[in-house]
Amino acid sequence: LAKNGRKMVPTPRALVLREQIHQTMENAIQLLQPESVLDLASLDRTFSLHANDVFISAFGGQLLARLRQQAPNVGLRITPENGSDEDSLRDGKVDLYISAMRPMPEDIHVQSLFSTRFMGLAREDHPIFSAPVTPQRFAAYEQISVSRRGRARGPIDKCLAEAGLVRTVSLVVPTFHSGVFSLGNSDLILPLPDHVVSAVLQMGIKARAFPLPLALESIPIIQAWHPRFQNDAAHRWLRRIIHDLCITTPDHVLLHRLSG
């Protein structure tokens, strides 16, 4: 501590050490506590997740059903990902962050769940289906961009630019679901992750999907959690259920849904 007027304030070194000491104390407490047996039948707990639309669309309902098979009293609270996910994990406000891979602090645990790739979605009788979908034909139709920050451009535009093409983004919406409902009977095209497309088509919405004629990279989806939950028995069970749920929907099943 250093004197500041009549008060004592932490030095910069103390501020650096504070988080490290806090984590060391938590680890020590966890090691000294006897491991309790998890009674799933009587577990009464609501888990909070920060998750993106891809995970919610593909696994949200299935996840609750899978949890309830073993623990009938558990609940889920899913909120949108945001810019303060790391702070929420550290503060214990959320149990898990589930979204696209991004740099995380060294103390945050990360586990891969699945990968998704973008496809195109349009009304069933859209004129784009009258001939093979080339990059030129794809770029010729007005499109919807999905961005929580209101951005109209992204990796798709970069790929098109490499081919000397530019698309027209006429509508920007904040979520994939709002994009689906904006399609209507228009000639708009909506690029969506294939897991979202699969969920949309399973609902019986009159739309048709097609592979994008672009060399886009797949997007890895991960779950991340704070070390304070690493040895929490109920939290370990939740992570295992989520991981198993994601890896038991193989790519060939997803492709069958999209082409069926």
C-alpha atoms as a PDB file:
ATOM      1  CA  LEU A   1       0.000   0.000   0.000  1.00  0.00           C
ATOM      2  CA  ALA A   2       1.035   3.601  -0.550  1.00  0.00           C
ATOM      3  CA  LYS A   3      -0.153   6.733   1.226  1.00  0.00           C
ATOM      4  CA  ASN A   4      -2.389   9.021  -0.828  1.00  0.00           C
ATOM      5  CA  GLY A   5      -3.380  12.023   1.259  1.00  0.00           C
ATOM      6  CA  ARG A   6      -5.109  10.612   4.323  1.00  0.00           C
ATOM      7  CA  LYS A   7      -5.793   7.249   2.701  1.00  0.00           C
ATOM      8  CA  MET A   8      -3.789   4.175   1.845  1.00  0.00           C
ATOM      9  CA  VAL A   9      -4.242   2.925  -1.719  1.00  0.00           C
ATOM     10  CA  PRO A  10      -2.981  -0.222  -3.496  1.00  0.00           C
ATOM     11  CA  THR A  11       0.212   0.148  -5.491  1.00  0.00           C
ATOM     12  CA  PRO A  12       0.237  -0.978  -9.162  1.00  0.00           C
ATOM     13  CA  ARG A  13       2.083  -4.110  -8.049  1.00  0.00           C
ATOM     14  CA  ALA A  14      -0.641  -4.856  -5.492  1.00  0.00           C
ATOM     15  CA  LEU A  15      -3.313  -4.542  -8.167  1.00  0.00           C
ATOM     16  CA  VAL A  16      -1.458  -7.057 -10.347  1.00  0.00           C
ATOM     17  CA  LEU A  17      -1.097  -9.509  -7.464  1.00  0.00           C
ATOM     18  CA  ARG A  18      -4.693  -9.186  -6.272  1.00  0.00           C
ATOM     19  CA  GLU A  19      -6.241 -11.396  -8.963  1.00  0.00           C
ATOM     20  CA  GLN A  20      -3.431 -13.960  -8.703  1.00  0.00           C
ATOM     21  CA  ILE A  21      -3.766 -14.214  -4.927  1.00  0.00           C
ATOM     22  CA  HIS A  22      -7.548 -14.396  -5.183  1.00  0.00           C
ATOM     23  CA  GLN A  23      -7.280 -17.322  -7.610  1.00  0.00           C
ATOM     24  CA  THR A  24      -4.657 -19.070  -5.466  1.00  0.00           C
ATOM     25  CA  MET A  25      -6.923 -18.826  -2.415  1.00  0.00           C
ATOM     26  CA  GLU A  26      -9.868 -20.205  -4.355  1.00  0.00           C
ATOM     27  CA  ASN A  27      -7.795 -23.150  -5.569  1.00  0.00           C
ATOM     28  CA  ALA A  28      -6.598 -23.852  -2.037  1.00  0.00           C
ATOM     29  CA  ILE A  29     -10.153 -23.789  -0.676  1.00  0.00           C
ATOM     30  CA  GLN A  30     -11.321 -26.191  -3.367  1.00  0.00           C
ATOM     31  CA  LEU A  31      -8.464 -28.590  -2.628  1.00  0.00           C
ATOM     32  CA  LEU A  32      -9.209 -28.617   1.108  1.00  0.00           C
ATOM     33  CA  GLN A  33     -12.945 -29.139   0.720  1.00  0.00           C
ATOM     34  CA  PRO A  34     -14.077 -32.786   0.667  1.00  0.00           C
ATOM     35  CA  GLU A  35     -15.484 -33.827  -2.696  1.00  0.00           C
ATOM     36  CA  SER A  36     -19.224 -34.237  -2.416  1.00  0.00           C
ATOM     37  CA  VAL A  37     -21.251 -36.842  -4.282  1.00  0.00           C
ATOM     38  CA  LEU A  38     -23.484 -35.205  -6.883  1.00  0.00           C
ATOM     39  CA  ASP A  39     -27.122 -36.181  -6.393  1.00  0.00           C
ATOM     40  CA  LEU A  40     -28.663 -35.283  -9.755  1.00  0.00           C
ATOM     41  CA  ALA A  41     -32.168 -36.311  -8.708  1.00  0.00           C
ATOM     42  CA  SER A  42     -32.236 -33.597  -6.035  1.00  0.00           C
ATOM     43  CA  LEU A  43     -30.043 -31.013  -7.801  1.00  0.00           C
ATOM     44  CA  ASP A  44     -31.914 -27.690  -7.784  1.00  0.00           C
ATOM     45  CA  ARG A  45     -29.833 -25.209  -9.769  1.00  0.00           C
ATOM     46  CA  THR A  46     -30.265 -22.786 -12.656  1.00  0.00           C
ATOM     47  CA  PHE A  47     -27.227 -22.587 -14.916  1.00  0.00           C
ATOM     48  CA  SER A  48     -26.493 -19.289 -16.674  1.00  0.00           C
ATOM     49  CA  LEU A  49     -24.966 -19.364 -20.148  1.00  0.00           C
ATOM     50  CA  HIS A  50     -23.766 -16.630 -22.479  1.00  0.00           C
ATOM     51  CA  ALA A  51     -24.385 -18.271 -25.854  1.00  0.00           C
ATOM     52  CA  ASN A  52     -24.678 -17.272 -29.495  1.00  0.00           C
ATOM     53  CA  ASP A  53     -27.523 -17.988 -31.924  1.00  0.00           C
ATOM     54  CA  VAL A  54     -25.675 -20.915 -33.499  1.00  0.00           C
ATOM     55  CA  PHE A  55     -25.617 -22.920 -30.276  1.00  0.00           C
ATOM     56  CA  ILE A  56     -29.100 -21.862 -29.168  1.00  0.00           C
ATOM     57  CA  SER A  57     -30.660 -22.758 -32.540  1.00  0.00           C
ATOM     58  CA  ALA A  58     -29.020 -26.153 -32.790  1.00  0.00           C
ATOM     59  CA  PHE A  59     -28.927 -27.328 -29.174  1.00  0.00           C
ATOM     60  CA  GLY A  60     -30.913 -25.029 -26.837  1.00  0.00           C
ATOM     61  CA  GLY A  61     -34.066 -27.137 -26.508  1.00  0.00           C
ATOM     62  CA  GLN A  62     -32.172 -30.420 -26.715  1.00  0.00           C
ATOM     63  CA  LEU A  63     -29.848 -29.341 -23.939  1.00  0.00           C
ATOM     64  CA  LEU A  64     -32.627 -28.683 -21.441  1.00  0.00           C
ATOM     65  CA  ALA A  65     -34.285 -31.999 -22.318  1.00  0.00           C
ATOM     66  CA  ARG A  66     -30.978 -33.857 -21.892  1.00  0.00           C
ATOM     67  CA  LEU A  67     -30.339 -32.208 -18.511  1.00  0.00           C
ATOM     68  CA  ARG A  68     -33.862 -32.911 -17.288  1.00  0.00           C
ATOM     69  CA  GLN A  69     -33.484 -36.629 -18.028  1.00  0.00           C
ATOM     70  CA  GLN A  70     -31.035 -36.860 -15.151  1.00  0.00           C
ATOM     71  CA  ALA A  71     -31.820 -33.779 -13.067  1.00  0.00           C
ATOM     72  CA  PRO A  72     -35.514 -32.834 -13.286  1.00  0.00           C
ATOM     73  CA  ASN A  73     -35.132 -29.705 -11.143  1.00  0.00           C
ATOM     74  CA  VAL A  74     -32.421 -27.882 -13.095  1.00  0.00           C
ATOM     75  CA  GLY A  75     -33.065 -24.833 -15.270  1.00  0.00           C
ATOM     76  CA  LEU A  76     -31.230 -22.804 -17.890  1.00  0.00           C
ATOM     77  CA  ARG A  77     -30.877 -19.048 -18.286  1.00  0.00           C
ATOM     78  CA  ILE A  78     -29.367 -18.185 -21.666  1.00  0.00           C
ATOM     79  CA  THR A  79     -28.328 -14.605 -22.393  1.00  0.00           C
ATOM     80  CA  PRO A  80     -26.660 -13.123 -25.494  1.00  0.00           C
ATOM     81  CA  GLU A  81     -22.886 -12.970 -25.716  1.00  0.00           C
ATOM     82  CA  ASN A  82     -21.486  -9.492 -25.180  1.00  0.00           C
ATOM     83  CA  GLY A  83     -18.246  -7.582 -24.882  1.00  0.00           C
ATOM     84  CA  SER A  84     -17.853  -8.278 -21.140  1.00  0.00           C
ATOM     85  CA  ASP A  85     -18.003 -12.084 -21.264  1.00  0.00           C
ATOM     86  CA  GLU A  86     -14.618 -12.464 -19.555  1.00  0.00           C
ATOM     87  CA  ASP A  87     -15.727 -10.187 -16.686  1.00  0.00           C
ATOM     88  CA  SER A  88     -18.981 -12.124 -16.312  1.00  0.00           C
ATOM     89  CA  LEU A  89     -17.062 -15.402 -16.123  1.00  0.00           C
ATOM     90  CA  ARG A  90     -14.680 -14.008 -13.505  1.00  0.00           C
ATOM     91  CA  ASP A  91     -17.498 -12.504 -11.444  1.00  0.00           C
ATOM     92  CA  GLY A  92     -19.424 -15.780 -11.447  1.00  0.00           C
ATOM     93  CA  LYS A  93     -22.418 -14.192 -13.171  1.00  0.00           C
ATOM     94  CA  VAL A  94     -22.404 -16.874 -15.875  1.00  0.00           C
ATOM     95  CA  ASP A  95     -21.396 -20.511 -15.745  1.00  0.00           C
ATOM     96  CA  LEU A  96     -20.344 -20.874 -19.365  1.00  0.00           C
ATOM     97  CA  TYR A  97     -19.511 -18.790 -22.405  1.00  0.00           C
ATOM     98  CA  ILE A  98     -20.500 -20.638 -25.616  1.00  0.00           C
ATOM     99  CA  SER A  99     -19.680 -18.953 -28.895  1.00  0.00           C
ATOM    100  CA  ALA A 100     -17.117 -18.638 -31.682  1.00  0.00           C
ATOM    101  CA  MET A 101     -13.491 -19.111 -30.720  1.00  0.00           C
ATOM    102  CA  ARG A 102     -11.755 -15.894 -29.704  1.00  0.00           C
ATOM    103  CA  PRO A 103      -8.723 -14.975 -27.587  1.00  0.00           C
ATOM    104  CA  MET A 104      -9.341 -15.670 -23.913  1.00  0.00           C
ATOM    105  CA  PRO A 105      -7.334 -14.812 -20.770  1.00  0.00           C
ATOM    106  CA  GLU A 106      -4.867 -17.528 -19.791  1.00  0.00           C
ATOM    107  CA  ASP A 107      -6.812 -18.472 -16.659  1.00  0.00           C
ATOM    108  CA  ILE A 108     -10.040 -19.255 -18.561  1.00  0.00           C
ATOM    109  CA  HIS A 109     -10.614 -22.913 -19.457  1.00  0.00           C
ATOM    110  CA  VAL A 110     -11.649 -23.543 -23.088  1.00  0.00           C
ATOM    111  CA  GLN A 111     -13.058 -26.665 -24.751  1.00  0.00           C
ATOM    112  CA  SER A 112     -13.935 -27.161 -28.438  1.00  0.00           C
ATOM    113  CA  LEU A 113     -17.515 -28.209 -29.177  1.00  0.00           C
ATOM    114  CA  PHE A 114     -18.071 -28.203 -32.957  1.00  0.00           C
ATOM    115  CA  SER A 115     -17.454 -26.247 -36.142  1.00  0.00           C
ATOM    116  CA  THR A 116     -20.010 -24.575 -38.382  1.00  0.00           C
ATOM    117  CA  ARG A 117     -19.814 -23.105 -41.868  1.00  0.00           C
ATOM    118  CA  PHE A 118     -21.935 -20.592 -43.748  1.00  0.00           C
ATOM    119  CA  MET A 119     -24.612 -21.547 -46.277  1.00  0.00           C
ATOM    120  CA  GLY A 120     -27.125 -19.511 -48.229  1.00  0.00           C
ATOM    121  CA  LEU A 121     -30.862 -19.452 -47.502  1.00  0.00           C
ATOM    122  CA  ALA A 122     -33.584 -18.150 -49.825  1.00  0.00           C
ATOM    123  CA  ARG A 123     -37.269 -18.715 -50.551  1.00  0.00           C
ATOM    124  CA  GLU A 124     -38.016 -22.055 -52.207  1.00  0.00           C
ATOM    125  CA  ASP A 125     -38.697 -20.636 -55.695  1.00  0.00           C
ATOM    126  CA  HIS A 126     -35.938 -18.030 -55.657  1.00  0.00           C
ATOM    127  CA  PRO A 127     -34.489 -17.454 -59.159  1.00  0.00           C
ATOM    128  CA  ILE A 128     -30.984 -18.284 -57.925  1.00  0.00           C
ATOM    129  CA  PHE A 129     -31.975 -21.965 -58.044  1.00  0.00           C
ATOM    130  CA  SER A 130     -32.677 -21.842 -61.803  1.00  0.00           C
ATOM    131  CA  ALA A 131     -28.979 -22.443 -62.579  1.00  0.00           C
ATOM    132  CA  PRO A 132     -25.783 -23.471 -60.781  1.00  0.00           C
ATOM    133  CA  VAL A 133     -24.891 -21.017 -58.018  1.00  0.00           C
ATOM    134  CA  THR A 134     -21.657 -19.320 -59.020  1.00  0.00           C
ATOM    135  CA  PRO A 135     -19.930 -16.482 -57.147  1.00  0.00           C
ATOM    136  CA  GLN A 136     -21.201 -14.084 -59.836  1.00  0.00           C
ATOM    137  CA  ARG A 137     -24.828 -15.213 -59.490  1.00  0.00           C
ATOM    138  CA  PHE A 138     -24.582 -15.234 -55.698  1.00  0.00           C
ATOM    139  CA  ALA A 139     -23.322 -11.626 -55.645  1.00  0.00           C
ATOM    140  CA  ALA A 140     -25.992 -10.494 -58.106  1.00  0.00           C
ATOM    141  CA  TYR A 141     -28.863 -10.718 -55.597  1.00  0.00           C
ATOM    142  CA  GLU A 142     -29.491  -8.342 -52.703  1.00  0.00           C
ATOM    143  CA  GLN A 143     -28.648  -9.835 -49.347  1.00  0.00           C
ATOM    144  CA  ILE A 144     -29.200  -9.704 -45.588  1.00  0.00           C
ATOM    145  CA  SER A 145     -26.279  -9.262 -43.212  1.00  0.00           C
ATOM    146  CA  VAL A 146     -26.502 -10.399 -39.591  1.00  0.00           C
ATOM    147  CA  SER A 147     -24.514  -8.298 -37.126  1.00  0.00           C
ATOM    148  CA  ARG A 148     -25.130  -7.290 -33.524  1.00  0.00           C
ATOM    149  CA  ARG A 149     -22.967  -4.227 -34.199  1.00  0.00           C
ATOM    150  CA  GLY A 150     -24.807  -3.247 -37.372  1.00  0.00           C
ATOM    151  CA  ARG A 151     -21.967  -4.160 -39.711  1.00  0.00           C
ATOM    152  CA  ALA A 152     -22.821  -4.866 -43.349  1.00  0.00           C
ATOM    153  CA  ARG A 153     -19.438  -6.315 -44.353  1.00  0.00           C
ATOM    154  CA  GLY A 154     -17.476  -9.353 -43.247  1.00  0.00           C
ATOM    155  CA  PRO A 155     -15.604 -12.481 -44.433  1.00  0.00           C
ATOM    156  CA  ILE A 156     -18.071 -13.080 -47.281  1.00  0.00           C
ATOM    157  CA  ASP A 157     -17.288  -9.672 -48.753  1.00  0.00           C
ATOM    158  CA  LYS A 158     -13.557 -10.318 -48.437  1.00  0.00           C
ATOM    159  CA  CYS A 159     -13.885 -13.555 -50.432  1.00  0.00           C
ATOM    160  CA  LEU A 160     -15.994 -11.832 -53.071  1.00  0.00           C
ATOM    161  CA  ALA A 161     -13.489  -8.982 -53.335  1.00  0.00           C
ATOM    162  CA  GLU A 162     -10.709 -11.477 -54.055  1.00  0.00           C
ATOM    163  CA  ALA A 163     -12.759 -12.568 -57.068  1.00  0.00           C
ATOM    164  CA  GLY A 164     -13.397  -8.962 -58.098  1.00  0.00           C
ATOM    165  CA  LEU A 165     -17.029  -9.085 -56.960  1.00  0.00           C
ATOM    166  CA  VAL A 166     -19.177  -6.932 -54.674  1.00  0.00           C
ATOM    167  CA  ARG A 167     -22.551  -7.869 -53.201  1.00  0.00           C
ATOM    168  CA  THR A 168     -25.347  -5.491 -52.230  1.00  0.00           C
ATOM    169  CA  VAL A 169     -26.366  -5.722 -48.559  1.00  0.00           C
ATOM    170  CA  SER A 170     -29.807  -4.136 -48.384  1.00  0.00           C
ATOM    171  CA  LEU A 171     -30.758  -5.167 -44.846  1.00  0.00           C
ATOM    172  CA  VAL A 172     -28.726  -5.513 -41.641  1.00  0.00           C
ATOM    173  CA  VAL A 173     -30.360  -7.302 -38.696  1.00  0.00           C
ATOM    174  CA  PRO A 174     -29.042  -8.133 -35.196  1.00  0.00           C
ATOM    175  CA  THR A 175     -29.724 -11.902 -35.069  1.00  0.00           C
ATOM    176  CA  PHE A 176     -29.927 -14.895 -37.370  1.00  0.00           C
ATOM    177  CA  HIS A 177     -33.546 -15.453 -36.376  1.00  0.00           C
ATOM    178  CA  SER A 178     -34.580 -11.927 -37.327  1.00  0.00           C
ATOM    179  CA  GLY A 179     -32.856 -12.504 -40.659  1.00  0.00           C
ATOM    180  CA  VAL A 180     -34.925 -15.632 -41.316  1.00  0.00           C
ATOM    181  CA  PHE A 181     -38.190 -13.810 -40.645  1.00  0.00           C
ATOM    182  CA  SER A 182     -37.056 -10.969 -42.894  1.00  0.00           C
ATOM    183  CA  LEU A 183     -36.723 -13.227 -45.934  1.00  0.00           C
ATOM    184  CA  GLY A 184     -40.466 -13.482 -46.576  1.00  0.00           C
ATOM    185  CA  ASN A 185     -41.298 -13.727 -50.283  1.00  0.00           C
ATOM    186  CA  SER A 186     -38.467 -11.422 -51.287  1.00  0.00           C
ATOM    187  CA  ASP A 187     -35.510 -12.119 -53.563  1.00  0.00           C
ATOM    188  CA  LEU A 188     -33.135 -11.496 -50.669  1.00  0.00           C
ATOM    189  CA  ILE A 189     -30.456 -14.055 -49.802  1.00  0.00           C
ATOM    190  CA  LEU A 190     -29.478 -14.758 -46.198  1.00  0.00           C
ATOM    191  CA  PRO A 191     -26.094 -16.343 -45.382  1.00  0.00           C
ATOM    192  CA  LEU A 192     -26.408 -18.450 -42.207  1.00  0.00           C
ATOM    193  CA  PRO A 193     -24.288 -21.007 -40.306  1.00  0.00           C
ATOM    194  CA  ASP A 194     -25.290 -24.514 -41.361  1.00  0.00           C
ATOM    195  CA  HIS A 195     -26.402 -25.437 -37.815  1.00  0.00           C
ATOM    196  CA  VAL A 196     -28.896 -22.551 -37.877  1.00  0.00           C
ATOM    197  CA  VAL A 197     -30.046 -23.492 -41.389  1.00  0.00           C
ATOM    198  CA  SER A 198     -30.676 -27.061 -40.226  1.00  0.00           C
ATOM    199  CA  ALA A 199     -32.808 -25.839 -37.297  1.00  0.00           C
ATOM    200  CA  VAL A 200     -34.779 -23.483 -39.580  1.00  0.00           C
ATOM    201  CA  LEU A 201     -35.569 -26.209 -42.118  1.00  0.00           C
ATOM    202  CA  GLN A 202     -36.587 -28.649 -39.363  1.00  0.00           C
ATOM    203  CA  MET A 203     -39.216 -26.115 -38.273  1.00  0.00           C
ATOM    204  CA  GLY A 204     -40.855 -26.404 -41.676  1.00  0.00           C
ATOM    205  CA  ILE A 205     -40.153 -22.833 -42.799  1.00  0.00           C
ATOM    206  CA  LYS A 206     -40.548 -22.622 -46.579  1.00  0.00           C
ATOM    207  CA  ALA A 207     -36.992 -21.899 -47.576  1.00  0.00           C
ATOM    208  CA  ARG A 208     -34.195 -23.645 -49.419  1.00  0.00           C
ATOM    209  CA  ALA A 209     -30.512 -23.826 -48.559  1.00  0.00           C
ATOM    210  CA  PHE A 210     -27.482 -23.947 -50.827  1.00  0.00           C
ATOM    211  CA  PRO A 211     -23.700 -24.103 -50.320  1.00  0.00           C
ATOM    212  CA  LEU A 212     -21.985 -20.766 -50.753  1.00  0.00           C
ATOM    213  CA  PRO A 213     -19.663 -20.808 -53.785  1.00  0.00           C
ATOM    214  CA  LEU A 214     -16.890 -19.248 -51.703  1.00  0.00           C
ATOM    215  CA  ALA A 215     -13.818 -20.585 -49.893  1.00  0.00           C
ATOM    216  CA  LEU A 216     -14.937 -19.545 -46.413  1.00  0.00           C
ATOM    217  CA  GLU A 217     -13.279 -21.002 -43.333  1.00  0.00           C
ATOM    218  CA  SER A 218     -15.377 -22.969 -40.867  1.00  0.00           C
ATOM    219  CA  ILE A 219     -16.101 -21.329 -37.504  1.00  0.00           C
ATOM    220  CA  PRO A 220     -15.055 -23.214 -34.338  1.00  0.00           C
ATOM    221  CA  ILE A 221     -17.534 -23.023 -31.451  1.00  0.00           C
ATOM    222  CA  ILE A 222     -16.201 -23.429 -27.915  1.00  0.00           C
ATOM    223  CA  GLN A 223     -17.359 -23.438 -24.313  1.00  0.00           C
ATOM    224  CA  ALA A 224     -15.312 -21.514 -21.745  1.00  0.00           C
ATOM    225  CA  TRP A 225     -15.472 -21.284 -17.958  1.00  0.00           C
ATOM    226  CA  HIS A 226     -13.671 -19.741 -15.000  1.00  0.00           C
ATOM    227  CA  PRO A 227     -11.293 -21.920 -12.909  1.00  0.00           C
ATOM    228  CA  ARG A 228     -13.596 -21.518  -9.898  1.00  0.00           C
ATOM    229  CA  PHE A 229     -15.963 -23.992 -11.614  1.00  0.00           C
ATOM    230  CA  GLN A 230     -13.296 -26.448 -12.756  1.00  0.00           C
ATOM    231  CA  ASN A 231     -13.886 -28.907  -9.905  1.00  0.00           C
ATOM    232  CA  ASP A 232     -17.550 -28.113  -9.245  1.00  0.00           C
ATOM    233  CA  ALA A 233     -19.306 -31.459  -9.657  1.00  0.00           C
ATOM    234  CA  ALA A 234     -22.550 -30.029 -11.054  1.00  0.00           C
ATOM    235  CA  HIS A 235     -20.637 -27.763 -13.411  1.00  0.00           C
ATOM    236  CA  ARG A 236     -18.519 -30.683 -14.654  1.00  0.00           C
ATOM    237  CA  TRP A 237     -21.722 -32.601 -15.316  1.00  0.00           C
ATOM    238  CA  LEU A 238     -23.173 -29.661 -17.284  1.00  0.00           C
ATOM    239  CA  ARG A 239     -20.016 -29.318 -19.392  1.00  0.00           C
ATOM    240  CA  ARG A 240     -19.976 -33.028 -20.138  1.00  0.00           C
ATOM    241  CA  ILE A 241     -23.638 -33.004 -21.214  1.00  0.00           C
ATOM    242  CA  ILE A 242     -23.044 -30.042 -23.549  1.00  0.00           C
ATOM    243  CA  HIS A 243     -19.908 -31.583 -25.059  1.00  0.00           C
ATOM    244  CA  ASP A 244     -21.560 -34.962 -25.600  1.00  0.00           C
ATOM    245  CA  LEU A 245     -24.634 -33.321 -27.122  1.00  0.00           C
ATOM    246  CA  CYS A 246     -22.550 -31.374 -29.623  1.00  0.00           C
ATOM    247  CA  ILE A 247     -20.306 -34.229 -30.727  1.00  0.00           C
ATOM    248  CA  THR A 248     -23.222 -36.681 -31.176  1.00  0.00           C
ATOM    249  CA  THR A 249     -24.633 -34.587 -34.055  1.00  0.00           C
ATOM    250  CA  PRO A 250     -22.098 -35.542 -36.738  1.00  0.00           C
ATOM    251  CA  ASP A 251     -21.633 -33.649 -39.990  1.00  0.00           C
ATOM    252  CA  HIS A 252     -23.294 -36.305 -42.135  1.00  0.00           C
ATOM    253  CA  VAL A 253     -26.525 -36.042 -40.115  1.00  0.00           C
ATOM    254  CA  LEU A 254     -26.536 -32.271 -40.512  1.00  0.00           C
ATOM    255  CA  LEU A 255     -25.914 -32.512 -44.253  1.00  0.00           C
ATOM    256  CA  HIS A 256     -28.766 -35.011 -44.578  1.00  0.00           C
ATOM    257  CA  ARG A 257     -31.123 -32.538 -42.884  1.00  0.00           C
ATOM    258  CA  LEU A 258     -30.017 -29.749 -45.232  1.00  0.00           C
ATOM    259  CA  SER A 259     -30.397 -31.809 -48.401  1.00  0.00           C
ATOM    260  CA  GLY A 260     -33.471 -33.781 -47.396  1.00  0.00           C
END
